[in-house]
Amino acid sequence: MYRSTGLLTALTLFCGAASADPLQGTRTVYLQDAGGTVSIAVAEIRFGPDGYTVTMADAPFSDHFLSMRPFKCLDGPERQLCHVPYPYEIRRQVLAEDLTDLEYDFLFLWKAAGDYGINMWNGVYYDMAVDGARVVGQLHEVNLGQLAVPPPPGTLRPLGPDDLEPGDPGSHWLPRLVIE
């Protein structure tokens, strides 16, 4: 008869945790600086069999009324990074090879700390990919002004690859998104 030892159990638990599916269970979303020294928890995601739900954190954000709309912003040394909730229909379903719905939940725009209004062409889009047991998003610049008008019926993803421009990590405060 085979008996499990403590070492075997510990190894099984460790290997199971190391290969955990990053698109299952409850995960935390962080925005990070280029060097990984600043990491700000901005949301919690609960993945389930019928999709996912996002709960944005309150603590790291400050409230701002910009261009006649309320925004939740992260206050950086020279810039603010403001969350832009996607205003149209979204399925909130993801696959390891298609994280687009998740990318739409984490749209931001940046503005200089002293600016009064916002410019939607300063959009931030985190292009995400599964990386082992986590999801990593790299900052891309995008003109979010095109979201001012609802997309045609049936178009759930109006932003395409041609709309995205890879951002320079050195010129942005939080160029990386990590879900773990």
C-alpha atoms as a PDB file:
ATOM      1  CA  MET A   1       0.000   0.000   0.000  1.00  0.00           C
ATOM      2  CA  TYR A   2       1.340   3.450  -0.965  1.00  0.00           C
ATOM      3  CA  ARG A   3       1.422   6.149   1.738  1.00  0.00           C
ATOM      4  CA  SER A   4       1.806   9.815   0.963  1.00  0.00           C
ATOM      5  CA  THR A   5       4.665  11.478   2.794  1.00  0.00           C
ATOM      6  CA  GLY A   6       4.760  15.100   3.911  1.00  0.00           C
ATOM      7  CA  LEU A   7       7.396  15.845   1.274  1.00  0.00           C
ATOM      8  CA  LEU A   8       5.290  14.378  -1.532  1.00  0.00           C
ATOM      9  CA  THR A   9       2.241  16.331  -0.357  1.00  0.00           C
ATOM     10  CA  ALA A  10       4.257  19.554  -0.170  1.00  0.00           C
ATOM     11  CA  LEU A  11       5.687  18.948  -3.656  1.00  0.00           C
ATOM     12  CA  THR A  12       2.208  18.278  -5.058  1.00  0.00           C
ATOM     13  CA  LEU A  13       0.856  21.480  -3.505  1.00  0.00           C
ATOM     14  CA  PHE A  14       3.842  23.502  -4.741  1.00  0.00           C
ATOM     15  CA  CYS A  15       3.585  22.181  -8.314  1.00  0.00           C
ATOM     16  CA  GLY A  16      -0.163  22.760  -8.321  1.00  0.00           C
ATOM     17  CA  ALA A  17       0.300  26.359  -7.185  1.00  0.00           C
ATOM     18  CA  ALA A  18       3.090  26.985  -9.691  1.00  0.00           C
ATOM     19  CA  SER A  19       0.901  25.875 -12.609  1.00  0.00           C
ATOM     20  CA  ALA A  20      -2.271  27.573 -11.367  1.00  0.00           C
ATOM     21  CA  ASP A  21      -4.505  28.923 -14.104  1.00  0.00           C
ATOM     22  CA  PRO A  22      -4.263  32.742 -13.950  1.00  0.00           C
ATOM     23  CA  LEU A  23      -7.833  32.974 -15.292  1.00  0.00           C
ATOM     24  CA  GLN A  24      -9.454  31.146 -12.379  1.00  0.00           C
ATOM     25  CA  GLY A  25     -10.305  32.168  -8.837  1.00  0.00           C
ATOM     26  CA  THR A  26      -9.773  35.581  -7.291  1.00  0.00           C
ATOM     27  CA  ARG A  27      -6.821  37.662  -8.478  1.00  0.00           C
ATOM     28  CA  THR A  28      -5.391  41.105  -7.750  1.00  0.00           C
ATOM     29  CA  VAL A  29      -4.592  43.633 -10.475  1.00  0.00           C
ATOM     30  CA  TYR A  30      -1.470  45.756 -10.021  1.00  0.00           C
ATOM     31  CA  LEU A  31      -0.086  48.656 -12.017  1.00  0.00           C
ATOM     32  CA  GLN A  32       3.706  48.789 -11.868  1.00  0.00           C
ATOM     33  CA  ASP A  33       6.525  51.096 -12.833  1.00  0.00           C
ATOM     34  CA  ALA A  34       9.088  49.945 -15.409  1.00  0.00           C
ATOM     35  CA  GLY A  35      11.489  48.590 -12.785  1.00  0.00           C
ATOM     36  CA  GLY A  36       8.830  46.832 -10.710  1.00  0.00           C
ATOM     37  CA  THR A  37       9.714  48.871  -7.608  1.00  0.00           C
ATOM     38  CA  VAL A  38       6.300  50.588  -7.467  1.00  0.00           C
ATOM     39  CA  SER A  39       3.319  48.233  -7.479  1.00  0.00           C
ATOM     40  CA  ILE A  40      -0.172  49.599  -6.817  1.00  0.00           C
ATOM     41  CA  ALA A  41      -3.140  47.242  -6.282  1.00  0.00           C
ATOM     42  CA  VAL A  42      -5.965  48.790  -8.323  1.00  0.00           C
ATOM     43  CA  ALA A  43      -8.598  46.044  -8.546  1.00  0.00           C
ATOM     44  CA  GLU A  44      -9.715  42.538  -7.712  1.00  0.00           C
ATOM     45  CA  ILE A  45     -10.986  40.108 -10.352  1.00  0.00           C
ATOM     46  CA  ARG A  46     -13.118  37.047  -9.687  1.00  0.00           C
ATOM     47  CA  PHE A  47     -12.993  34.543 -12.539  1.00  0.00           C
ATOM     48  CA  GLY A  48     -15.866  32.079 -12.731  1.00  0.00           C
ATOM     49  CA  PRO A  49     -17.337  29.624 -15.216  1.00  0.00           C
ATOM     50  CA  ASP A  50     -19.624  32.299 -16.710  1.00  0.00           C
ATOM     51  CA  GLY A  51     -17.041  35.080 -16.995  1.00  0.00           C
ATOM     52  CA  TYR A  52     -15.461  37.466 -14.547  1.00  0.00           C
ATOM     53  CA  THR A  53     -16.274  40.458 -12.364  1.00  0.00           C
ATOM     54  CA  VAL A  54     -14.016  43.409 -11.581  1.00  0.00           C
ATOM     55  CA  THR A  55     -14.074  45.409  -8.353  1.00  0.00           C
ATOM     56  CA  MET A  56     -11.939  48.511  -8.552  1.00  0.00           C
ATOM     57  CA  ALA A  57     -10.069  49.437  -5.358  1.00  0.00           C
ATOM     58  CA  ASP A  58     -10.927  52.706  -3.647  1.00  0.00           C
ATOM     59  CA  ALA A  59      -7.799  53.433  -1.611  1.00  0.00           C
ATOM     60  CA  PRO A  60      -5.151  54.209  -4.228  1.00  0.00           C
ATOM     61  CA  PHE A  61      -7.435  56.451  -6.294  1.00  0.00           C
ATOM     62  CA  SER A  62      -8.367  60.068  -5.732  1.00  0.00           C
ATOM     63  CA  ASP A  63     -11.599  61.571  -7.051  1.00  0.00           C
ATOM     64  CA  HIS A  64     -11.384  64.211  -9.786  1.00  0.00           C
ATOM     65  CA  PHE A  65     -13.979  66.061 -11.824  1.00  0.00           C
ATOM     66  CA  LEU A  66     -12.353  66.509 -15.221  1.00  0.00           C
ATOM     67  CA  SER A  67     -13.929  67.817 -18.400  1.00  0.00           C
ATOM     68  CA  MET A  68     -17.360  67.689 -16.761  1.00  0.00           C
ATOM     69  CA  ARG A  69     -17.039  64.006 -15.734  1.00  0.00           C
ATOM     70  CA  PRO A  70     -15.962  62.192 -12.565  1.00  0.00           C
ATOM     71  CA  PHE A  71     -12.740  60.174 -12.734  1.00  0.00           C
ATOM     72  CA  LYS A  72     -10.775  58.033 -10.305  1.00  0.00           C
ATOM     73  CA  CYS A  73      -7.073  58.853 -10.703  1.00  0.00           C
ATOM     74  CA  LEU A  74      -3.742  57.629  -9.398  1.00  0.00           C
ATOM     75  CA  ASP A  75      -1.566  60.582  -8.499  1.00  0.00           C
ATOM     76  CA  GLY A  76       1.983  60.156  -9.735  1.00  0.00           C
ATOM     77  CA  PRO A  77       5.033  62.356  -9.418  1.00  0.00           C
ATOM     78  CA  GLU A  78       4.422  64.240 -12.686  1.00  0.00           C
ATOM     79  CA  ARG A  79       1.299  62.676 -14.151  1.00  0.00           C
ATOM     80  CA  GLN A  80      -2.039  61.317 -13.089  1.00  0.00           C
ATOM     81  CA  LEU A  81      -3.342  58.055 -14.483  1.00  0.00           C
ATOM     82  CA  CYS A  82      -7.150  58.078 -14.594  1.00  0.00           C
ATOM     83  CA  HIS A  83      -9.356  55.017 -15.037  1.00  0.00           C
ATOM     84  CA  VAL A  84     -11.784  55.211 -17.974  1.00  0.00           C
ATOM     85  CA  PRO A  85     -14.657  52.768 -17.430  1.00  0.00           C
ATOM     86  CA  TYR A  86     -15.646  51.290 -20.778  1.00  0.00           C
ATOM     87  CA  PRO A  87     -19.165  52.680 -21.353  1.00  0.00           C
ATOM     88  CA  TYR A  88     -20.540  50.102 -23.807  1.00  0.00           C
ATOM     89  CA  GLU A  89     -21.492  46.434 -23.861  1.00  0.00           C
ATOM     90  CA  ILE A  90     -18.783  43.961 -22.900  1.00  0.00           C
ATOM     91  CA  ARG A  91     -19.123  40.196 -22.371  1.00  0.00           C
ATOM     92  CA  ARG A  92     -16.485  39.862 -19.641  1.00  0.00           C
ATOM     93  CA  GLN A  93     -15.351  36.492 -20.910  1.00  0.00           C
ATOM     94  CA  VAL A  94     -11.740  35.597 -21.571  1.00  0.00           C
ATOM     95  CA  LEU A  95      -9.601  32.805 -22.909  1.00  0.00           C
ATOM     96  CA  ALA A  96      -5.835  32.505 -22.500  1.00  0.00           C
ATOM     97  CA  GLU A  97      -5.450  33.501 -26.164  1.00  0.00           C
ATOM     98  CA  ASP A  98      -8.038  36.323 -26.064  1.00  0.00           C
ATOM     99  CA  LEU A  99      -7.960  38.783 -23.141  1.00  0.00           C
ATOM    100  CA  THR A 100      -9.580  41.677 -25.011  1.00  0.00           C
ATOM    101  CA  ASP A 101     -12.588  42.036 -22.693  1.00  0.00           C
ATOM    102  CA  LEU A 102     -10.199  42.296 -19.748  1.00  0.00           C
ATOM    103  CA  GLU A 103      -8.130  44.903 -21.603  1.00  0.00           C
ATOM    104  CA  TYR A 104     -11.273  47.034 -22.045  1.00  0.00           C
ATOM    105  CA  ASP A 105     -11.932  46.936 -18.297  1.00  0.00           C
ATOM    106  CA  PHE A 106      -8.536  48.545 -17.649  1.00  0.00           C
ATOM    107  CA  LEU A 107      -8.510  51.530 -19.976  1.00  0.00           C
ATOM    108  CA  PHE A 108      -6.822  54.620 -18.551  1.00  0.00           C
ATOM    109  CA  LEU A 109      -5.735  58.028 -19.714  1.00  0.00           C
ATOM    110  CA  TRP A 110      -2.886  60.156 -18.474  1.00  0.00           C
ATOM    111  CA  LYS A 111      -2.704  63.857 -17.841  1.00  0.00           C
ATOM    112  CA  ALA A 112      -0.095  66.187 -16.431  1.00  0.00           C
ATOM    113  CA  ALA A 113      -0.572  66.669 -12.686  1.00  0.00           C
ATOM    114  CA  GLY A 114      -1.410  70.375 -13.059  1.00  0.00           C
ATOM    115  CA  ASP A 115      -3.814  70.060 -16.021  1.00  0.00           C
ATOM    116  CA  TYR A 116      -7.443  70.916 -15.351  1.00  0.00           C
ATOM    117  CA  GLY A 117      -9.091  68.873 -18.123  1.00  0.00           C
ATOM    118  CA  ILE A 118      -8.374  65.639 -19.928  1.00  0.00           C
ATOM    119  CA  ASN A 119      -7.407  64.756 -23.467  1.00  0.00           C
ATOM    120  CA  MET A 120      -8.870  61.442 -24.576  1.00  0.00           C
ATOM    121  CA  TRP A 121      -6.085  61.037 -27.124  1.00  0.00           C
ATOM    122  CA  ASN A 122      -3.781  60.379 -24.141  1.00  0.00           C
ATOM    123  CA  GLY A 123      -5.333  56.939 -23.723  1.00  0.00           C
ATOM    124  CA  VAL A 124      -3.558  53.978 -22.148  1.00  0.00           C
ATOM    125  CA  TYR A 125      -4.357  50.427 -23.247  1.00  0.00           C
ATOM    126  CA  TYR A 126      -2.637  47.491 -21.539  1.00  0.00           C
ATOM    127  CA  ASP A 127      -2.137  44.751 -24.155  1.00  0.00           C
ATOM    128  CA  MET A 128      -2.338  41.589 -22.027  1.00  0.00           C
ATOM    129  CA  ALA A 129      -1.002  38.056 -22.343  1.00  0.00           C
ATOM    130  CA  VAL A 130      -0.857  35.040 -20.054  1.00  0.00           C
ATOM    131  CA  ASP A 131       2.650  34.653 -18.632  1.00  0.00           C
ATOM    132  CA  GLY A 132       2.836  31.432 -16.611  1.00  0.00           C
ATOM    133  CA  ALA A 133       0.637  31.756 -13.527  1.00  0.00           C
ATOM    134  CA  ARG A 134      -0.127  35.433 -14.118  1.00  0.00           C
ATOM    135  CA  VAL A 135      -1.313  37.883 -16.749  1.00  0.00           C
ATOM    136  CA  VAL A 136       0.985  40.711 -17.829  1.00  0.00           C
ATOM    137  CA  GLY A 137      -0.076  43.805 -19.760  1.00  0.00           C
ATOM    138  CA  GLN A 138       2.245  46.169 -21.577  1.00  0.00           C
ATOM    139  CA  LEU A 139       1.247  49.797 -22.053  1.00  0.00           C
ATOM    140  CA  HIS A 140       0.129  50.938 -25.470  1.00  0.00           C
ATOM    141  CA  GLU A 141      -0.991  54.426 -26.354  1.00  0.00           C
ATOM    142  CA  VAL A 142      -4.428  54.849 -27.914  1.00  0.00           C
ATOM    143  CA  ASN A 143      -6.782  57.679 -28.820  1.00  0.00           C
ATOM    144  CA  LEU A 144      -9.813  56.966 -26.622  1.00  0.00           C
ATOM    145  CA  GLY A 145     -11.682  59.819 -28.301  1.00  0.00           C
ATOM    146  CA  GLN A 146     -13.160  57.290 -30.712  1.00  0.00           C
ATOM    147  CA  LEU A 147     -15.152  55.870 -27.775  1.00  0.00           C
ATOM    148  CA  ALA A 148     -17.107  59.125 -27.474  1.00  0.00           C
ATOM    149  CA  VAL A 149     -19.599  57.738 -29.986  1.00  0.00           C
ATOM    150  CA  PRO A 150     -21.217  54.319 -29.429  1.00  0.00           C
ATOM    151  CA  PRO A 151     -19.896  51.641 -31.788  1.00  0.00           C
ATOM    152  CA  PRO A 152     -22.244  50.204 -34.413  1.00  0.00           C
ATOM    153  CA  PRO A 153     -24.685  47.564 -33.097  1.00  0.00           C
ATOM    154  CA  GLY A 154     -22.961  44.205 -32.662  1.00  0.00           C
ATOM    155  CA  THR A 155     -19.470  45.760 -32.486  1.00  0.00           C
ATOM    156  CA  LEU A 156     -18.201  44.880 -29.030  1.00  0.00           C
ATOM    157  CA  ARG A 157     -14.541  45.706 -29.653  1.00  0.00           C
ATOM    158  CA  PRO A 158     -14.181  48.955 -31.579  1.00  0.00           C
ATOM    159  CA  LEU A 159     -10.470  49.404 -30.816  1.00  0.00           C
ATOM    160  CA  GLY A 160      -8.246  47.353 -33.093  1.00  0.00           C
ATOM    161  CA  PRO A 161      -4.536  46.640 -33.393  1.00  0.00           C
ATOM    162  CA  ASP A 162      -4.150  49.551 -35.827  1.00  0.00           C
ATOM    163  CA  ASP A 163      -5.381  51.914 -33.080  1.00  0.00           C
ATOM    164  CA  LEU A 164      -2.618  50.894 -30.646  1.00  0.00           C
ATOM    165  CA  GLU A 165       0.897  52.275 -30.541  1.00  0.00           C
ATOM    166  CA  PRO A 166       3.457  50.603 -28.240  1.00  0.00           C
ATOM    167  CA  GLY A 167       4.273  53.023 -25.439  1.00  0.00           C
ATOM    168  CA  ASP A 168       7.764  53.891 -24.299  1.00  0.00           C
ATOM    169  CA  PRO A 169       8.021  52.408 -20.769  1.00  0.00           C
ATOM    170  CA  GLY A 170      10.534  55.106 -19.818  1.00  0.00           C
ATOM    171  CA  SER A 171       8.096  57.914 -20.581  1.00  0.00           C
ATOM    172  CA  HIS A 172       5.181  56.552 -18.541  1.00  0.00           C
ATOM    173  CA  TRP A 173       4.779  56.263 -14.789  1.00  0.00           C
ATOM    174  CA  LEU A 174       3.054  52.830 -14.664  1.00  0.00           C
ATOM    175  CA  PRO A 175       3.723  51.047 -17.981  1.00  0.00           C
ATOM    176  CA  ARG A 176       2.917  47.546 -16.752  1.00  0.00           C
ATOM    177  CA  LEU A 177      -0.213  45.774 -15.516  1.00  0.00           C
ATOM    178  CA  VAL A 178       0.078  42.460 -13.646  1.00  0.00           C
ATOM    179  CA  ILE A 179      -2.726  40.133 -12.558  1.00  0.00           C
ATOM    180  CA  GLU A 180      -1.730  37.504 -10.015  1.00  0.00           C
END
